[in-house]
Amino acid sequence: METIRRILPPVIQRAIANLPKKDIRQLEEIRLRVNQPVELVLDGQTLFLDKIPRFSLEGVRYVLDRLGEYSLYTLEEELKRGYVTIEGGHRVGLAGRVVTNNGYVKLIRDISSFNIRIAREKIGAAQSVADHLVDRGRWLNTLIIGPPQTGKTTLLRDIARMASSGVPTVSAKKVGIVDERSEIAGCIKGVPQNNLGQRVDVLDACPKAEGLMMLIRSMSPDLIVVDEIGRKEDTEALFEALNAGVTIIASAHGFNLEQIKQRPTVRPLFEHQLFDRYIIISRRHGPGSIEAVLDGTGKTIVRKESGAAS
């Protein structure tokens, strides 16, 4: 939490530090909105810090100064994407007035809201499903499906660690990670801060489509991990990677497989049955509740009810 505390105004820092340790462990989001009370999300439940002043424009400037290390120029690309990733893989979303150029987002200005999402590493998050993701000495092409904040990134991270380190039925593989949002590896100056094993190469803050091709051309990975696929160019790059014999472990937003199949940009992946496994997760029993593991045709292999990730 120290990285997060450093970007918060002192009064908010103190309020959070005074919370019970259990609440701090369950903290998922810190939401700051101008003229509104600070909102905390704890294990899916909302808590407002009503005993401290409401967030102000001065607070906005304080947070932005620390995000950009007192230079908004350093935030130019992030303001275009709508989020900033800080040390530890924590993501700070921004909202305000959007400036466009020829129909494309140029930046967000007059910022009025922040959403600080807490990233947590959980070793062993994928242990309960790992046996269903391997076959005859290789990892299977797998898509993790779940709504936001259900633990998809945590699960991806742990699969990457297991593949890189090796498991009893599969030797350690060369793993490439395209970490577009700097959340999987939590890199600082290009060096992963999360435990990903010994055979991992990370392209940090790199768009997925470009990163997939870069890894294949330059790093010869056995397996590539990517987060939150959804664009047409992501789908095209995944086809290239799969046809090159590289295993893909990816995630996508959705409640179930049928919903994902309705998205035109990724539909070709399902029409060609390019994934061998689908993991459906929720937060029914807390973040990372694994609802089911499906085969490439969508048939249920196993149904689970465990809290595996956060």
Protein backbone atom coordinates (compact mmCIF):
# COMPACT_ATOMS: atom_id res chain seq x y z
CA MET A 1 0.00 0.00 0.00
CA GLU A 2 2.96 2.37 0.39
CA THR A 3 3.03 3.19 -3.32
CA ILE A 4 -0.66 4.10 -3.21
CA ARG A 5 -0.36 6.15 -0.03
CA ARG A 6 2.32 8.34 -1.62
CA ILE A 7 -0.08 9.67 -4.27
CA LEU A 8 -2.92 10.42 -1.83
CA PRO A 9 -3.43 13.71 0.03
CA PRO A 10 -2.24 13.38 3.67
CA VAL A 11 -5.74 13.52 5.18
CA ILE A 12 -6.80 10.51 3.06
CA GLN A 13 -3.57 8.69 3.85
CA ARG A 14 -4.24 9.03 7.57
CA ALA A 15 -7.87 7.97 7.27
CA ILE A 16 -6.93 4.77 5.44
CA ALA A 17 -4.02 4.04 7.79
CA ASN A 18 -6.47 4.19 10.72
CA LEU A 19 -8.75 1.55 9.25
CA PRO A 20 -8.77 -1.92 10.84
CA LYS A 21 -6.11 -4.14 9.30
CA LYS A 22 -8.81 -6.48 8.01
CA ASP A 23 -10.37 -3.64 6.00
CA ILE A 24 -7.00 -2.66 4.54
CA ARG A 25 -6.42 -6.27 3.44
CA GLN A 26 -9.82 -6.29 1.72
CA LEU A 27 -9.38 -2.91 0.02
CA GLU A 28 -10.03 -3.17 -3.72
CA GLU A 29 -10.61 0.41 -4.87
CA ILE A 30 -10.15 3.99 -3.68
CA ARG A 31 -12.51 6.31 -5.58
CA LEU A 32 -11.95 10.07 -5.48
CA ARG A 33 -14.55 12.46 -6.93
CA VAL A 34 -14.49 16.25 -6.68
CA ASN A 35 -16.95 17.56 -4.05
CA GLN A 36 -17.85 14.02 -2.96
CA PRO A 37 -16.75 11.92 0.03
CA VAL A 38 -13.88 9.50 -0.54
CA GLU A 39 -15.26 6.06 -1.40
CA LEU A 40 -13.55 2.79 -0.53
CA VAL A 41 -14.54 -0.59 -1.97
CA LEU A 42 -13.81 -3.38 0.51
CA ASP A 43 -14.45 -6.91 -0.73
CA GLY A 44 -17.25 -5.60 -2.95
CA GLN A 45 -18.81 -3.43 -0.21
CA THR A 46 -18.77 0.38 -0.19
CA LEU A 47 -17.46 2.51 2.67
CA PHE A 48 -17.51 6.34 2.55
CA LEU A 49 -14.97 8.30 4.60
CA ASP A 50 -17.51 10.81 5.94
CA LYS A 51 -15.35 12.05 8.80
CA ILE A 52 -12.78 13.75 6.56
CA PRO A 53 -13.34 16.65 4.12
CA ARG A 54 -14.75 15.88 0.71
CA PHE A 55 -12.30 15.48 -2.15
CA SER A 56 -11.45 18.85 -3.72
CA LEU A 57 -9.81 20.39 -6.77
CA GLU A 58 -6.72 20.87 -4.61
CA GLY A 59 -6.78 17.12 -4.07
CA VAL A 60 -6.92 16.57 -7.83
CA ARG A 61 -3.79 18.68 -8.29
CA TYR A 62 -2.05 16.84 -5.44
CA VAL A 63 -2.72 13.41 -6.98
CA LEU A 64 -1.80 14.51 -10.52
CA ASP A 65 1.47 16.06 -9.32
CA ARG A 66 2.51 12.79 -7.76
CA LEU A 67 1.32 10.61 -10.60
CA GLY A 68 3.34 12.68 -13.06
CA GLU A 69 6.21 13.35 -10.65
CA TYR A 70 5.29 17.04 -10.88
CA SER A 71 5.35 17.07 -14.70
CA LEU A 72 2.05 16.60 -16.59
CA TYR A 73 4.12 16.07 -19.75
CA THR A 74 5.12 12.66 -18.39
CA LEU A 75 1.43 11.71 -18.25
CA GLU A 76 0.64 12.60 -21.86
CA GLU A 77 0.21 9.03 -23.11
CA GLU A 78 -1.61 7.92 -19.98
CA LEU A 79 -4.08 10.81 -20.21
CA LYS A 80 -4.88 9.61 -23.71
CA ARG A 81 -5.59 6.06 -22.49
CA GLY A 82 -7.54 7.15 -19.42
CA TYR A 83 -5.42 5.44 -16.76
CA VAL A 84 -1.99 5.49 -15.16
CA THR A 85 -0.26 2.37 -13.85
CA ILE A 86 1.96 2.93 -10.82
CA GLU A 87 4.60 0.86 -9.07
CA GLY A 88 3.23 -2.52 -8.02
CA GLY A 89 0.79 -2.77 -10.93
CA HIS A 90 -1.90 -0.62 -9.29
CA ARG A 91 -4.01 1.19 -11.91
CA VAL A 92 -5.35 4.71 -11.49
CA GLY A 93 -8.31 5.41 -13.77
CA LEU A 94 -9.19 9.03 -14.63
CA ALA A 95 -12.39 10.73 -15.70
CA GLY A 96 -13.12 14.31 -16.74
CA ARG A 97 -13.55 16.32 -19.92
CA VAL A 98 -12.36 14.36 -22.95
CA VAL A 99 -10.54 16.16 -25.76
CA THR A 100 -10.78 14.49 -29.17
CA ASN A 101 -8.97 14.96 -32.46
CA ASN A 102 -10.49 13.54 -35.68
CA GLY A 103 -12.72 11.29 -33.61
CA TYR A 104 -9.89 9.89 -31.47
CA VAL A 105 -9.25 10.62 -27.81
CA LYS A 106 -6.36 13.05 -27.48
CA LEU A 107 -6.39 13.38 -23.70
CA ILE A 108 -8.56 13.82 -20.62
CA ARG A 109 -8.44 17.27 -19.06
CA ASP A 110 -10.32 18.99 -16.23
CA ILE A 111 -10.00 15.72 -14.32
CA SER A 112 -12.68 15.27 -11.68
CA SER A 113 -12.48 11.58 -10.71
CA PHE A 114 -9.86 8.95 -9.91
CA ASN A 115 -10.35 5.22 -9.42
CA ILE A 116 -7.34 3.59 -7.78
CA ARG A 117 -7.55 -0.17 -8.27
CA ILE A 118 -5.45 -2.20 -5.85
CA ALA A 119 -3.42 -4.98 -7.48
CA ARG A 120 -2.54 -7.97 -5.34
CA GLU A 121 -0.32 -10.91 -6.19
CA LYS A 122 -1.65 -14.28 -5.03
CA ILE A 123 0.71 -17.21 -5.45
CA GLY A 124 -1.25 -20.41 -6.10
CA ALA A 125 -4.36 -18.70 -7.48
CA ALA A 126 -4.35 -21.04 -10.50
CA GLN A 127 -3.48 -24.23 -8.64
CA SER A 128 -7.04 -25.56 -8.57
CA VAL A 129 -7.47 -25.38 -12.36
CA ALA A 130 -3.94 -25.98 -13.63
CA ASP A 131 -4.44 -29.71 -14.24
CA HIS A 132 -7.26 -28.93 -16.67
CA LEU A 133 -5.09 -26.54 -18.70
CA VAL A 134 -2.37 -28.99 -19.69
CA ASP A 135 -2.37 -32.01 -21.97
CA ARG A 136 0.43 -34.34 -23.06
CA GLY A 137 3.24 -32.11 -21.90
CA ARG A 138 1.93 -28.77 -23.15
CA TRP A 139 -0.24 -25.90 -21.97
CA LEU A 140 -3.55 -25.49 -23.78
CA ASN A 141 -4.79 -22.29 -25.41
CA THR A 142 -6.96 -20.80 -22.67
CA LEU A 143 -9.33 -17.85 -22.33
CA ILE A 144 -10.31 -16.58 -18.87
CA ILE A 145 -13.76 -14.95 -18.88
CA GLY A 146 -15.21 -12.78 -16.14
CA PRO A 147 -16.64 -9.32 -15.41
CA PRO A 148 -14.32 -6.54 -14.17
CA GLN A 149 -12.73 -7.09 -10.76
CA THR A 150 -13.22 -10.83 -10.65
CA GLY A 151 -9.52 -11.74 -10.53
CA LYS A 152 -8.72 -12.39 -14.20
CA THR A 153 -5.34 -10.68 -14.04
CA THR A 154 -4.40 -12.46 -10.81
CA LEU A 155 -5.22 -15.80 -12.42
CA LEU A 156 -3.27 -14.93 -15.58
CA ARG A 157 -0.26 -13.90 -13.51
CA ASP A 158 -0.20 -17.17 -11.61
CA ILE A 159 -0.57 -19.28 -14.76
CA ALA A 160 2.38 -17.38 -16.23
CA ARG A 161 4.40 -18.14 -13.08
CA MET A 162 3.52 -21.84 -13.20
CA ALA A 163 4.29 -22.16 -16.91
CA SER A 164 7.62 -20.38 -16.47
CA SER A 165 8.60 -22.40 -13.41
CA GLY A 166 7.28 -25.75 -14.60
CA VAL A 167 4.70 -28.11 -13.10
CA PRO A 168 4.91 -31.89 -12.56
CA THR A 169 3.36 -32.68 -15.95
CA VAL A 170 4.91 -29.86 -18.04
CA SER A 171 8.51 -28.64 -18.01
CA ALA A 172 9.29 -24.93 -17.63
CA LYS A 173 8.45 -22.96 -20.77
CA LYS A 174 9.62 -19.67 -22.26
CA VAL A 175 6.80 -17.28 -21.40
CA GLY A 176 6.21 -13.91 -23.07
CA ILE A 177 3.86 -11.37 -21.49
CA VAL A 178 2.35 -8.45 -23.36
CA ASP A 179 1.53 -6.24 -20.38
CA GLU A 180 -0.34 -3.37 -22.00
CA ARG A 181 -1.59 -1.93 -18.71
CA SER A 182 1.48 -2.85 -16.64
CA GLU A 183 -0.74 -4.89 -14.31
CA ILE A 184 0.39 -8.49 -14.86
CA ALA A 185 4.10 -8.09 -14.17
CA GLY A 186 3.98 -4.76 -12.29
CA CYS A 187 7.20 -3.62 -13.95
CA ILE A 188 9.39 -0.79 -12.69
CA LYS A 189 11.67 0.48 -15.44
CA GLY A 190 10.98 -2.70 -17.37
CA VAL A 191 11.79 -5.10 -14.52
CA PRO A 192 8.87 -7.27 -13.23
CA GLN A 193 8.12 -6.79 -9.53
CA ASN A 194 5.73 -9.75 -9.32
CA ASN A 195 6.87 -13.36 -9.06
CA LEU A 196 6.66 -14.74 -12.60
CA GLY A 197 9.33 -17.44 -12.52
CA GLN A 198 12.70 -17.52 -14.28
CA ARG A 199 11.74 -17.85 -17.95
CA VAL A 200 9.57 -14.77 -18.50
CA ASP A 201 10.09 -11.89 -20.93
CA VAL A 202 7.80 -8.87 -20.58
CA LEU A 203 6.83 -6.15 -23.04
CA ASP A 204 5.61 -3.51 -20.63
CA ALA A 205 3.05 -0.83 -21.62
CA CYS A 206 2.90 -2.29 -25.13
CA PRO A 207 -0.33 -2.61 -27.18
CA LYS A 208 -1.35 -6.26 -27.41
CA ALA A 209 -1.50 -6.64 -31.19
CA GLU A 210 1.96 -5.15 -31.74
CA GLY A 211 3.40 -6.91 -28.71
CA LEU A 212 2.29 -10.37 -29.79
CA MET A 213 4.15 -10.01 -33.10
CA MET A 214 7.21 -8.45 -31.45
CA LEU A 215 7.54 -11.34 -29.01
CA ILE A 216 7.16 -13.97 -31.72
CA ARG A 217 9.78 -12.30 -33.92
CA SER A 218 12.33 -11.52 -31.23
CA MET A 219 11.90 -13.79 -28.17
CA SER A 220 10.70 -17.15 -29.56
CA PRO A 221 8.24 -17.82 -26.71
CA ASP A 222 6.53 -21.15 -26.13
CA LEU A 223 3.58 -19.38 -24.50
CA ILE A 224 2.25 -15.80 -24.52
CA VAL A 225 0.05 -14.22 -21.86
CA VAL A 226 -2.18 -11.22 -22.69
CA ASP A 227 -4.87 -9.41 -20.71
CA GLU A 228 -8.29 -8.15 -21.83
CA ILE A 229 -8.49 -8.97 -25.53
CA GLY A 230 -11.31 -7.30 -27.43
CA ARG A 231 -10.17 -5.26 -30.41
CA LYS A 232 -10.21 -6.50 -34.00
CA GLU A 233 -6.43 -6.13 -34.21
CA ASP A 234 -6.06 -8.28 -31.07
CA THR A 235 -7.98 -11.07 -32.78
CA GLU A 236 -5.86 -10.85 -35.93
CA ALA A 237 -2.64 -10.97 -33.91
CA LEU A 238 -3.90 -13.96 -31.90
CA PHE A 239 -4.54 -15.84 -35.15
CA GLU A 240 -0.95 -15.14 -36.22
CA ALA A 241 0.44 -16.30 -32.89
CA LEU A 242 -1.62 -19.48 -32.77
CA ASN A 243 -0.72 -20.33 -36.35
CA ALA A 244 2.93 -19.87 -35.40
CA GLY A 245 2.58 -22.65 -32.84
CA VAL A 246 2.60 -20.41 -29.76
CA THR A 247 0.23 -21.22 -26.89
CA ILE A 248 -1.98 -18.32 -25.82
CA ILE A 249 -3.32 -17.64 -22.32
CA ALA A 250 -5.64 -14.61 -22.43
CA SER A 251 -8.54 -12.95 -20.66
CA ALA A 252 -11.69 -11.13 -21.77
CA HIS A 253 -14.51 -9.22 -20.08
CA GLY A 254 -17.84 -11.04 -19.93
CA PHE A 255 -20.21 -12.99 -17.73
CA ASN A 256 -20.14 -16.20 -19.76
CA LEU A 257 -18.93 -17.77 -22.99
CA GLU A 258 -22.12 -17.07 -24.91
CA GLN A 259 -21.89 -13.37 -24.17
CA ILE A 260 -18.29 -13.22 -25.39
CA LYS A 261 -19.21 -15.04 -28.59
CA GLN A 262 -21.62 -12.23 -29.48
CA ARG A 263 -18.81 -9.67 -29.73
CA PRO A 264 -18.11 -9.20 -33.47
CA THR A 265 -14.43 -8.34 -32.98
CA VAL A 266 -13.54 -11.64 -31.29
CA ARG A 267 -16.17 -13.94 -32.80
CA PRO A 268 -13.71 -15.45 -35.35
CA LEU A 269 -11.69 -16.92 -32.49
CA PHE A 270 -14.67 -19.03 -31.46
CA GLU A 271 -15.79 -19.87 -34.98
CA HIS A 272 -12.40 -21.49 -35.55
CA GLN A 273 -12.28 -23.00 -32.03
CA LEU A 274 -8.84 -21.57 -31.42
CA PHE A 275 -9.15 -21.93 -27.65
CA ASP A 276 -8.96 -25.36 -26.04
CA ARG A 277 -10.16 -24.23 -22.61
CA TYR A 278 -12.38 -21.52 -21.13
CA ILE A 279 -12.31 -20.60 -17.45
CA ILE A 280 -15.43 -18.79 -16.23
CA ILE A 281 -14.86 -16.77 -13.05
CA SER A 282 -16.98 -14.49 -10.88
CA ARG A 283 -16.92 -13.05 -7.39
CA ARG A 284 -19.87 -15.07 -6.10
CA HIS A 285 -17.71 -16.36 -3.22
CA GLY A 286 -15.28 -13.44 -3.41
CA PRO A 287 -12.89 -12.42 -6.22
CA GLY A 288 -11.62 -15.35 -8.25
CA SER A 289 -14.56 -17.69 -7.72
CA ILE A 290 -14.14 -20.29 -10.45
CA GLU A 291 -17.54 -21.19 -11.79
CA ALA A 292 -16.53 -23.67 -14.49
CA VAL A 293 -13.84 -24.93 -16.84
CA LEU A 294 -15.06 -25.61 -20.39
CA ASP A 295 -13.44 -27.39 -23.34
CA GLY A 296 -13.02 -25.87 -26.79
CA THR A 297 -16.60 -26.71 -27.77
CA GLY A 298 -18.03 -25.05 -24.67
CA LYS A 299 -18.77 -28.32 -22.86
CA THR A 300 -18.32 -28.20 -19.08
CA ILE A 301 -15.33 -30.22 -17.93
CA VAL A 302 -15.56 -29.31 -14.26
CA ARG A 303 -17.65 -26.99 -12.16
CA LYS A 304 -16.06 -25.34 -9.15
CA GLU A 305 -16.95 -22.89 -6.39
CA SER A 306 -13.68 -21.65 -4.97
CA GLY A 307 -12.17 -18.22 -4.26
CA ALA A 308 -8.93 -18.52 -6.21
CA ALA A 309 -7.84 -14.99 -6.97
CA SER A 310 -8.19 -11.39 -5.92
